[in-house]
Amino acid sequence: MRIKGAMTILTKEAKFLGMTVDEVVDFIDNSNHYTVPVKVLQAYEVYKMDQGYRWSGINFETWVKA
């Protein structure tokens, strides 16, 4: 998936939830991931990587600025 497809999925999810894309991203950042469909999580990961983040996972870190 590329960023264009990821943004389409995030935009549709935001419209469905009555939120903005930034609010959806914050919601995923601050909640457990069982409440969002897998395709939205995949789009979220592509979005984060496009924004310059990388997955760390060390010392309970999640996404860190590369």
N, C-alpha and C. Protein backbone atom coordinates (compact mmCIF):
# COMPACT_ATOMS: atom_id res chain seq x y z
N MET A 1 0.85 -1.17 0.00
CA MET A 1 0.00 0.00 0.00
C MET A 1 0.90 1.23 0.00
N ARG A 2 0.51 2.20 -0.78
CA ARG A 2 1.23 3.47 -0.82
C ARG A 2 0.45 4.53 -0.08
N ILE A 3 1.02 5.71 0.03
CA ILE A 3 0.43 6.77 0.83
C ILE A 3 -0.93 7.22 0.29
N LYS A 4 -1.10 7.22 -1.02
CA LYS A 4 -2.38 7.65 -1.59
C LYS A 4 -3.51 6.70 -1.15
N GLY A 5 -3.27 5.42 -1.22
CA GLY A 5 -4.26 4.44 -0.78
C GLY A 5 -4.49 4.52 0.72
N ALA A 6 -3.42 4.74 1.47
CA ALA A 6 -3.54 4.85 2.92
C ALA A 6 -4.39 6.06 3.30
N MET A 7 -4.17 7.17 2.63
CA MET A 7 -4.95 8.37 2.93
C MET A 7 -6.42 8.18 2.57
N THR A 8 -6.68 7.44 1.49
CA THR A 8 -8.07 7.15 1.12
C THR A 8 -8.75 6.36 2.22
N ILE A 9 -8.09 5.33 2.71
CA ILE A 9 -8.66 4.49 3.77
C ILE A 9 -8.85 5.30 5.05
N LEU A 10 -7.85 6.09 5.43
CA LEU A 10 -7.96 6.90 6.65
C LEU A 10 -9.04 7.96 6.52
N THR A 11 -9.19 8.54 5.34
CA THR A 11 -10.22 9.54 5.12
C THR A 11 -11.61 8.92 5.23
N LYS A 12 -11.79 7.75 4.64
CA LYS A 12 -13.09 7.07 4.73
C LYS A 12 -13.41 6.67 6.17
N GLU A 13 -12.41 6.20 6.90
CA GLU A 13 -12.63 5.83 8.30
C GLU A 13 -12.97 7.07 9.13
N ALA A 14 -12.29 8.18 8.85
CA ALA A 14 -12.56 9.42 9.57
C ALA A 14 -13.98 9.90 9.29
N LYS A 15 -14.41 9.82 8.05
CA LYS A 15 -15.77 10.23 7.70
C LYS A 15 -16.79 9.33 8.39
N PHE A 16 -16.51 8.03 8.43
CA PHE A 16 -17.41 7.07 9.08
C PHE A 16 -17.55 7.36 10.57
N LEU A 17 -16.43 7.73 11.21
CA LEU A 17 -16.44 8.00 12.65
C LEU A 17 -16.83 9.43 12.99
N GLY A 18 -16.95 10.30 11.98
CA GLY A 18 -17.27 11.70 12.23
C GLY A 18 -16.10 12.45 12.82
N MET A 19 -14.90 12.10 12.39
CA MET A 19 -13.67 12.71 12.90
C MET A 19 -12.83 13.21 11.73
N THR A 20 -11.72 13.87 12.05
CA THR A 20 -10.74 14.22 11.03
C THR A 20 -9.69 13.11 10.97
N VAL A 21 -8.86 13.14 9.94
CA VAL A 21 -7.80 12.14 9.82
C VAL A 21 -6.84 12.25 11.00
N ASP A 22 -6.50 13.47 11.42
CA ASP A 22 -5.61 13.65 12.57
C ASP A 22 -6.20 13.07 13.85
N GLU A 23 -7.51 13.22 14.02
CA GLU A 23 -8.17 12.66 15.20
C GLU A 23 -8.15 11.13 15.16
N VAL A 24 -8.31 10.55 13.98
CA VAL A 24 -8.25 9.10 13.85
C VAL A 24 -6.85 8.60 14.19
N VAL A 25 -5.83 9.29 13.70
CA VAL A 25 -4.45 8.91 13.99
C VAL A 25 -4.18 9.02 15.49
N ASP A 26 -4.64 10.09 16.12
CA ASP A 26 -4.47 10.23 17.57
C ASP A 26 -5.23 9.14 18.32
N PHE A 27 -6.42 8.80 17.84
CA PHE A 27 -7.21 7.73 18.46
C PHE A 27 -6.46 6.40 18.41
N ILE A 28 -5.85 6.10 17.27
CA ILE A 28 -5.09 4.85 17.14
C ILE A 28 -3.84 4.90 18.02
N ASP A 29 -3.19 6.07 18.07
CA ASP A 29 -2.00 6.22 18.91
C ASP A 29 -2.30 5.96 20.39
N ASN A 30 -3.47 6.39 20.83
CA ASN A 30 -3.77 6.40 22.27
C ASN A 30 -4.75 5.32 22.71
N SER A 31 -5.07 4.36 21.86
CA SER A 31 -6.03 3.33 22.25
C SER A 31 -5.47 1.96 21.95
N ASN A 32 -6.19 0.95 22.42
CA ASN A 32 -5.78 -0.40 22.01
C ASN A 32 -6.21 -0.60 20.57
N HIS A 33 -5.50 -1.42 19.86
CA HIS A 33 -5.70 -1.53 18.42
C HIS A 33 -6.76 -2.56 18.05
N TYR A 34 -7.49 -3.06 19.02
CA TYR A 34 -8.53 -4.04 18.73
C TYR A 34 -9.81 -3.37 18.26
N THR A 35 -9.88 -2.06 18.36
CA THR A 35 -11.10 -1.36 18.01
C THR A 35 -11.11 -0.84 16.58
N VAL A 36 -10.04 -1.07 15.84
CA VAL A 36 -9.96 -0.57 14.47
C VAL A 36 -9.74 -1.73 13.51
N PRO A 37 -10.33 -1.66 12.32
CA PRO A 37 -10.11 -2.74 11.34
C PRO A 37 -8.64 -2.83 10.92
N VAL A 38 -8.24 -4.00 10.48
CA VAL A 38 -6.85 -4.26 10.10
C VAL A 38 -6.41 -3.35 8.96
N LYS A 39 -7.27 -3.12 7.98
CA LYS A 39 -6.88 -2.28 6.85
C LYS A 39 -6.61 -0.85 7.30
N VAL A 40 -7.31 -0.39 8.33
CA VAL A 40 -7.06 0.95 8.85
C VAL A 40 -5.72 0.98 9.59
N LEU A 41 -5.40 -0.07 10.31
CA LEU A 41 -4.09 -0.15 10.97
C LEU A 41 -2.96 -0.16 9.95
N GLN A 42 -3.14 -0.89 8.86
CA GLN A 42 -2.12 -0.92 7.81
C GLN A 42 -1.96 0.47 7.20
N ALA A 43 -3.07 1.16 6.96
CA ALA A 43 -3.01 2.51 6.41
C ALA A 43 -2.33 3.46 7.40
N TYR A 44 -2.61 3.28 8.67
CA TYR A 44 -1.99 4.08 9.73
C TYR A 44 -0.47 3.90 9.73
N GLU A 45 -0.01 2.66 9.57
CA GLU A 45 1.43 2.40 9.54
C GLU A 45 2.09 3.07 8.34
N VAL A 46 1.45 3.00 7.18
CA VAL A 46 1.99 3.66 5.99
C VAL A 46 2.03 5.17 6.20
N TYR A 47 0.97 5.72 6.79
CA TYR A 47 0.90 7.15 7.07
C TYR A 47 2.04 7.57 8.00
N LYS A 48 2.26 6.81 9.08
CA LYS A 48 3.31 7.15 10.03
C LYS A 48 4.68 7.11 9.37
N MET A 49 4.95 6.09 8.55
CA MET A 49 6.23 5.99 7.87
C MET A 49 6.42 7.15 6.90
N ASP A 50 5.34 7.57 6.24
CA ASP A 50 5.41 8.69 5.32
C ASP A 50 5.71 9.99 6.07
N GLN A 51 5.28 10.08 7.32
CA GLN A 51 5.52 11.28 8.14
C GLN A 51 6.92 11.30 8.74
N GLY A 52 7.73 10.26 8.48
CA GLY A 52 9.11 10.24 8.95
C GLY A 52 9.32 9.46 10.23
N TYR A 53 8.34 8.67 10.62
CA TYR A 53 8.48 7.86 11.83
C TYR A 53 8.95 6.47 11.46
N ARG A 54 9.54 5.78 12.46
CA ARG A 54 9.88 4.37 12.29
C ARG A 54 9.47 3.65 13.55
N TRP A 55 9.22 2.36 13.43
CA TRP A 55 8.80 1.56 14.58
C TRP A 55 10.03 1.20 15.39
N SER A 56 9.99 1.44 16.71
CA SER A 56 11.12 1.12 17.56
C SER A 56 10.83 -0.13 18.38
N GLY A 57 9.84 -0.08 19.25
CA GLY A 57 9.50 -1.22 20.06
C GLY A 57 10.46 -1.52 21.19
N ILE A 58 11.53 -0.74 21.34
CA ILE A 58 12.51 -0.94 22.41
C ILE A 58 12.09 -0.07 23.60
N ASN A 59 12.16 -0.63 24.79
CA ASN A 59 11.80 0.09 26.02
C ASN A 59 10.38 0.66 25.95
N PHE A 60 9.48 -0.09 25.39
CA PHE A 60 8.06 0.26 25.28
C PHE A 60 7.82 1.52 24.45
N GLU A 61 8.79 1.91 23.62
CA GLU A 61 8.56 3.00 22.68
C GLU A 61 7.74 2.43 21.52
N THR A 62 7.07 3.27 20.83
CA THR A 62 6.34 2.80 19.66
C THR A 62 6.91 3.48 18.43
N TRP A 63 6.29 4.49 17.93
CA TRP A 63 6.77 5.20 16.76
C TRP A 63 7.70 6.31 17.21
N VAL A 64 8.90 6.35 16.64
CA VAL A 64 9.86 7.40 16.96
C VAL A 64 10.26 8.11 15.68
N LYS A 65 10.57 9.38 15.82
CA LYS A 65 10.97 10.18 14.66
C LYS A 65 12.34 9.70 14.20
N ALA A 66 12.45 9.35 12.93
CA ALA A 66 13.72 8.81 12.39
C ALA A 66 14.73 9.91 12.16
